[in-house]
Amino acid sequence: MLPLSVVIITFNEASNLPRCLASLHGLGATDVLVLDSGSTDDTREIAAAWGARVETQPFLGYVAQKNRATELARHDHVLQLDADEELTPALRESIVQTLHEWRAPSYALPRLTNYCGQWVRHGGWFPDWQTRLYDRRHGAWQGELLHERYINHNGSAPVRFSAVGKFQALLNHYSYHSLSEHWLQLDRFTSLDAEQMQRRGRRFSWAALLLKPFWRFFNGYFLKMGFLDGFAGLCIAVFSAVGVFLKVAKLRALHREAVGRR
């Protein structure tokens, strides 16, 4: 069986971390690293109490922070988790089996999200494939301000997604506990999205501001059957549409600020 490191980046995750760490029982990981970015709650103490190795690193951005955690791992085979995630027993067994029969540079896990107490299986939220189990010698985390993902490499060339192994067992994700929590993150992420769009040279468009939010709602709620998730599905579709509006509106504000500075 290959030795495994589990790495988790954290910031004020005292409420989530115990569940995540408890789910590692029986995995056989000989190295569990929690890389904390300055939590003001009991995150580091909880991690240490569960036997994790705790390191600190001021937040570098999601991509750089996850690459730093991967670099600090003691073994080449790494499982990266977020503190609000949990291995199901079936997934834990699948990972153990894979460590005995490793066949791919990395493996993708199907993630099932719990939204305000309800598991969401429609609206484009499931299966939310996440490449989290990997041999760090063959890839790295990539991305910009948001939407980081792990990419395999063959030399300097990215490896196509089909080269990634896939699990069937689920990774549980406890995303938002309340609508207020969702709104706060939406506001923060749309600001980062707008900044990222500006860096790419994207221009503001009235058509995008007025039409894309309606399409996002229609696509998620009707075409991807978000309505089957009841009230949770409706909230997700509405928040998703509002998120599109906000990031385009914030892009306009950034352009206007740039013009004002000239």
Protein backbone atom coordinates (compact mmCIF):
# COMPACT_ATOMS: atom_id res chain seq x y z
CA MET A 1 0.00 0.00 0.00
CA LEU A 2 1.36 3.39 -1.00
CA PRO A 3 1.94 5.91 1.81
CA LEU A 4 -0.59 8.75 1.71
CA SER A 5 -0.56 12.36 2.84
CA VAL A 6 -3.84 14.19 3.46
CA VAL A 7 -3.62 17.98 3.16
CA ILE A 8 -6.28 20.49 4.22
CA ILE A 9 -6.08 24.28 3.93
CA THR A 10 -8.03 26.15 6.60
CA PHE A 11 -9.17 29.52 7.85
CA ASN A 12 -11.63 29.63 10.77
CA GLU A 13 -12.92 26.11 10.18
CA ALA A 14 -13.48 25.05 13.79
CA SER A 15 -17.09 24.05 13.06
CA ASN A 16 -16.24 21.90 10.04
CA LEU A 17 -12.79 20.45 10.70
CA PRO A 18 -13.72 17.75 13.28
CA ARG A 19 -16.15 16.12 10.83
CA CYS A 20 -13.55 16.18 8.08
CA LEU A 21 -10.80 14.71 10.25
CA ALA A 22 -13.09 12.07 11.74
CA SER A 23 -13.86 10.81 8.23
CA LEU A 24 -10.17 9.96 7.74
CA HIS A 25 -10.36 7.17 10.35
CA GLY A 26 -9.51 3.88 8.66
CA LEU A 27 -7.88 5.52 5.63
CA GLY A 28 -4.39 4.59 6.74
CA ALA A 29 -2.89 8.01 6.04
CA THR A 30 0.45 8.33 7.84
CA ASP A 31 0.62 12.10 7.33
CA VAL A 32 -2.25 14.57 7.87
CA LEU A 33 -1.31 18.21 7.31
CA VAL A 34 -3.50 21.21 8.13
CA LEU A 35 -2.13 24.38 6.52
CA ASP A 36 -3.79 27.29 8.29
CA SER A 37 -3.82 30.90 7.09
CA GLY A 38 -4.25 32.67 10.41
CA SER A 39 -7.46 31.40 11.96
CA THR A 40 -8.83 33.39 14.89
CA ASP A 41 -10.94 30.49 16.19
CA ASP A 42 -9.80 27.08 17.50
CA THR A 43 -8.97 25.57 14.10
CA ARG A 44 -5.29 24.92 14.82
CA GLU A 45 -5.96 23.54 18.31
CA ILE A 46 -8.62 21.19 16.96
CA ALA A 47 -6.31 19.97 14.21
CA ALA A 48 -3.54 19.26 16.71
CA ALA A 49 -5.97 17.48 19.05
CA TRP A 50 -6.92 15.14 16.20
CA GLY A 51 -3.24 14.35 15.60
CA ALA A 52 -2.73 16.46 12.49
CA ARG A 53 0.51 18.24 11.71
CA VAL A 54 -0.21 21.97 11.74
CA GLU A 55 1.64 24.54 9.65
CA THR A 56 0.82 28.21 9.11
CA GLN A 57 1.00 30.23 5.92
CA PRO A 58 -0.55 33.66 5.22
CA PHE A 59 -3.14 33.15 2.49
CA LEU A 60 -1.51 33.16 -0.95
CA GLY A 61 -4.68 32.60 -2.97
CA TYR A 62 -6.41 29.27 -3.46
CA VAL A 63 -4.04 27.95 -6.12
CA ALA A 64 -0.79 28.89 -4.41
CA GLN A 65 -2.09 27.82 -0.98
CA LYS A 66 -3.02 24.35 -2.22
CA ASN A 67 0.28 24.00 -4.05
CA ARG A 68 2.09 24.99 -0.85
CA ALA A 69 0.16 22.39 1.14
CA THR A 70 1.00 19.77 -1.50
CA GLU A 71 4.66 20.76 -1.33
CA LEU A 72 4.68 20.35 2.47
CA ALA A 73 3.21 16.85 2.29
CA ARG A 74 5.60 14.12 3.38
CA HIS A 75 4.51 11.66 0.68
CA ASP A 76 4.12 11.98 -3.09
CA HIS A 77 0.62 10.52 -3.12
CA VAL A 78 -1.71 13.20 -1.79
CA LEU A 79 -5.39 13.51 -0.95
CA GLN A 80 -6.44 17.16 -0.81
CA LEU A 81 -9.62 17.97 1.10
CA ASP A 82 -11.44 21.14 2.07
CA ALA A 83 -12.42 21.41 5.73
CA ASP A 84 -16.13 21.38 4.82
CA GLU A 85 -15.82 18.02 3.06
CA GLU A 86 -16.18 14.49 4.38
CA LEU A 87 -15.16 11.09 3.07
CA THR A 88 -18.04 8.65 2.94
CA PRO A 89 -17.21 5.11 4.13
CA ALA A 90 -17.49 3.82 0.55
CA LEU A 91 -15.10 6.47 -0.72
CA ARG A 92 -12.65 5.73 2.06
CA GLU A 93 -12.64 2.06 1.07
CA SER A 94 -12.17 2.96 -2.60
CA ILE A 95 -9.18 5.15 -1.80
CA VAL A 96 -7.56 2.39 0.26
CA GLN A 97 -8.05 -0.03 -2.63
CA THR A 98 -6.54 2.49 -5.06
CA LEU A 99 -3.46 2.89 -2.86
CA HIS A 100 -2.92 -0.84 -3.35
CA GLU A 101 -3.50 -0.64 -7.13
CA TRP A 102 -2.49 2.87 -8.28
CA ARG A 103 -3.11 3.17 -12.05
CA ALA A 104 -3.49 6.87 -12.94
CA PRO A 105 -1.64 10.14 -12.30
CA SER A 106 -4.69 11.43 -10.43
CA TYR A 107 -8.27 10.56 -9.52
CA ALA A 108 -11.49 12.57 -9.62
CA LEU A 109 -14.14 12.24 -6.92
CA PRO A 110 -17.87 12.90 -7.43
CA ARG A 111 -18.89 15.51 -4.86
CA LEU A 112 -22.41 15.71 -3.41
CA THR A 113 -23.31 19.04 -1.84
CA ASN A 114 -25.45 19.71 1.20
CA TYR A 115 -27.15 23.10 0.86
CA CYS A 116 -28.81 24.48 3.99
CA GLY A 117 -29.42 20.96 5.26
CA GLN A 118 -30.56 19.41 1.96
CA TRP A 119 -28.57 17.21 -0.42
CA VAL A 120 -28.66 18.67 -3.93
CA ARG A 121 -28.62 16.35 -6.95
CA HIS A 122 -29.80 18.61 -9.78
CA GLY A 123 -29.30 22.07 -11.23
CA GLY A 124 -25.79 21.27 -12.42
CA TRP A 125 -24.48 20.72 -8.88
CA PHE A 126 -24.13 16.94 -9.10
CA PRO A 127 -21.92 15.13 -9.75
CA ASP A 128 -19.45 17.92 -9.01
CA TRP A 129 -16.26 16.18 -10.15
CA GLN A 130 -13.17 17.19 -8.15
CA THR A 131 -9.65 15.90 -8.82
CA ARG A 132 -8.35 15.47 -5.28
CA LEU A 133 -6.26 12.28 -5.13
CA TYR A 134 -3.01 12.62 -7.04
CA ASP A 135 0.67 11.86 -7.42
CA ARG A 136 2.20 15.31 -6.96
CA ARG A 137 5.12 14.45 -9.24
CA HIS A 138 2.81 14.57 -12.26
CA GLY A 139 0.78 17.75 -11.83
CA ALA A 140 -0.05 20.89 -9.90
CA TRP A 141 -2.92 23.17 -8.90
CA GLN A 142 -3.66 25.81 -11.52
CA GLY A 143 -6.08 28.70 -11.97
CA GLU A 144 -6.39 32.38 -11.21
CA LEU A 145 -8.14 34.11 -8.31
CA LEU A 146 -10.95 31.54 -8.24
CA HIS A 147 -11.89 28.20 -9.79
CA GLU A 148 -8.66 26.37 -8.99
CA ARG A 149 -8.23 22.83 -10.27
CA TYR A 150 -5.59 20.16 -10.24
CA ILE A 151 -4.03 19.50 -13.66
CA ASN A 152 -1.89 16.51 -14.65
CA HIS A 153 1.12 17.10 -16.86
CA ASN A 154 3.09 15.01 -19.32
CA GLY A 155 6.29 17.00 -19.41
CA SER A 156 4.99 20.56 -19.90
CA ALA A 157 1.75 19.56 -21.63
CA PRO A 158 -1.55 19.18 -19.73
CA VAL A 159 -2.98 15.66 -19.79
CA ARG A 160 -6.56 15.30 -21.07
CA PHE A 161 -9.25 14.76 -18.43
CA SER A 162 -9.94 11.22 -19.67
CA ALA A 163 -6.51 10.25 -18.34
CA VAL A 164 -7.80 10.92 -14.83
CA GLY A 165 -9.19 7.97 -12.89
CA LYS A 166 -12.72 8.30 -11.55
CA PHE A 167 -14.33 7.07 -8.35
CA GLN A 168 -18.00 6.19 -7.99
CA ALA A 169 -18.21 6.62 -4.20
CA LEU A 170 -19.18 10.11 -3.03
CA LEU A 171 -17.34 12.95 -1.36
CA ASN A 172 -19.78 14.85 0.86
CA HIS A 173 -19.59 18.64 0.79
CA TYR A 174 -21.30 20.79 3.43
CA SER A 175 -21.42 24.08 1.56
CA TYR A 176 -23.79 26.68 3.02
CA HIS A 177 -25.59 26.44 6.33
CA SER A 178 -27.82 29.46 5.67
CA LEU A 179 -28.92 31.79 2.89
CA SER A 180 -27.03 34.62 4.61
CA GLU A 181 -23.81 32.60 4.42
CA HIS A 182 -24.41 31.96 0.72
CA TRP A 183 -25.01 35.67 0.10
CA LEU A 184 -21.81 36.74 1.87
CA GLN A 185 -19.70 34.32 -0.16
CA LEU A 186 -21.50 35.28 -3.37
CA ASP A 187 -20.62 38.94 -2.79
CA ARG A 188 -16.97 38.08 -2.15
CA PHE A 189 -16.60 35.65 -5.05
CA THR A 190 -18.30 37.92 -7.59
CA SER A 191 -15.81 40.66 -6.70
CA LEU A 192 -12.96 38.23 -7.38
CA ASP A 193 -14.66 37.08 -10.59
CA ALA A 194 -14.97 40.66 -11.81
CA GLU A 195 -11.31 41.34 -11.05
CA GLN A 196 -10.33 38.16 -12.88
CA MET A 197 -12.44 39.16 -15.91
CA GLN A 198 -10.79 42.57 -15.98
CA ARG A 199 -7.33 40.98 -15.91
CA ARG A 200 -8.31 38.88 -18.92
CA GLY A 201 -9.33 42.00 -20.83
CA ARG A 202 -13.05 41.29 -20.77
CA ARG A 203 -15.23 44.29 -21.60
CA PHE A 204 -18.54 45.23 -20.02
CA SER A 205 -21.64 44.40 -22.06
CA TRP A 206 -25.22 45.49 -21.44
CA ALA A 207 -26.39 42.31 -23.18
CA ALA A 208 -24.39 40.20 -20.72
CA LEU A 209 -25.74 42.18 -17.76
CA LEU A 210 -29.39 41.86 -18.82
CA LEU A 211 -29.57 38.49 -20.60
CA LYS A 212 -27.03 36.14 -19.02
CA PRO A 213 -28.66 36.14 -15.57
CA PHE A 214 -31.99 35.03 -17.08
CA TRP A 215 -30.25 32.27 -19.05
CA ARG A 216 -28.37 31.08 -15.96
CA PHE A 217 -31.63 30.78 -14.03
CA PHE A 218 -33.49 29.04 -16.88
CA ASN A 219 -30.64 26.64 -17.55
CA GLY A 220 -30.15 25.63 -13.90
CA TYR A 221 -33.76 25.57 -12.75
CA PHE A 222 -35.47 24.11 -15.81
CA LEU A 223 -32.99 22.50 -18.24
CA LYS A 224 -30.86 20.97 -15.48
CA MET A 225 -33.96 20.27 -13.39
CA GLY A 226 -33.06 22.28 -10.33
CA PHE A 227 -36.78 22.40 -9.54
CA LEU A 228 -36.54 18.75 -8.46
CA ASP A 229 -34.56 19.91 -5.42
CA GLY A 230 -37.51 21.98 -4.21
CA PHE A 231 -36.86 25.20 -2.31
CA ALA A 232 -33.11 24.56 -2.24
CA GLY A 233 -33.08 24.23 -6.02
CA LEU A 234 -34.98 27.49 -6.40
CA CYS A 235 -32.60 29.34 -4.08
CA ILE A 236 -29.57 27.98 -5.90
CA ALA A 237 -30.94 29.02 -9.30
CA VAL A 238 -31.80 32.52 -8.08
CA PHE A 239 -28.45 33.04 -6.34
CA SER A 240 -26.64 31.77 -9.43
CA ALA A 241 -28.48 34.26 -11.63
CA VAL A 242 -27.82 37.11 -9.21
CA GLY A 243 -24.16 36.09 -9.14
CA VAL A 244 -23.91 36.51 -12.92
CA PHE A 245 -25.53 39.95 -12.66
CA LEU A 246 -23.22 41.03 -9.84
CA LYS A 247 -19.96 40.00 -11.47
CA VAL A 248 -20.85 41.79 -14.73
CA ALA A 249 -22.04 44.88 -12.83
CA LYS A 250 -18.83 44.86 -10.77
CA LEU A 251 -16.80 44.54 -13.96
CA ARG A 252 -18.48 47.74 -15.19
CA ALA A 253 -17.59 49.46 -11.91
CA LEU A 254 -13.95 48.38 -12.24
CA HIS A 255 -13.77 49.75 -15.79
CA ARG A 256 -15.26 53.06 -14.67
CA GLU A 257 -12.77 53.29 -11.82
CA ALA A 258 -9.92 52.61 -14.24
CA VAL A 259 -11.14 55.34 -16.59
CA GLY A 260 -11.45 57.77 -13.68
CA ARG A 261 -7.82 57.20 -12.68
CA ARG A 262 -6.50 58.05 -16.15
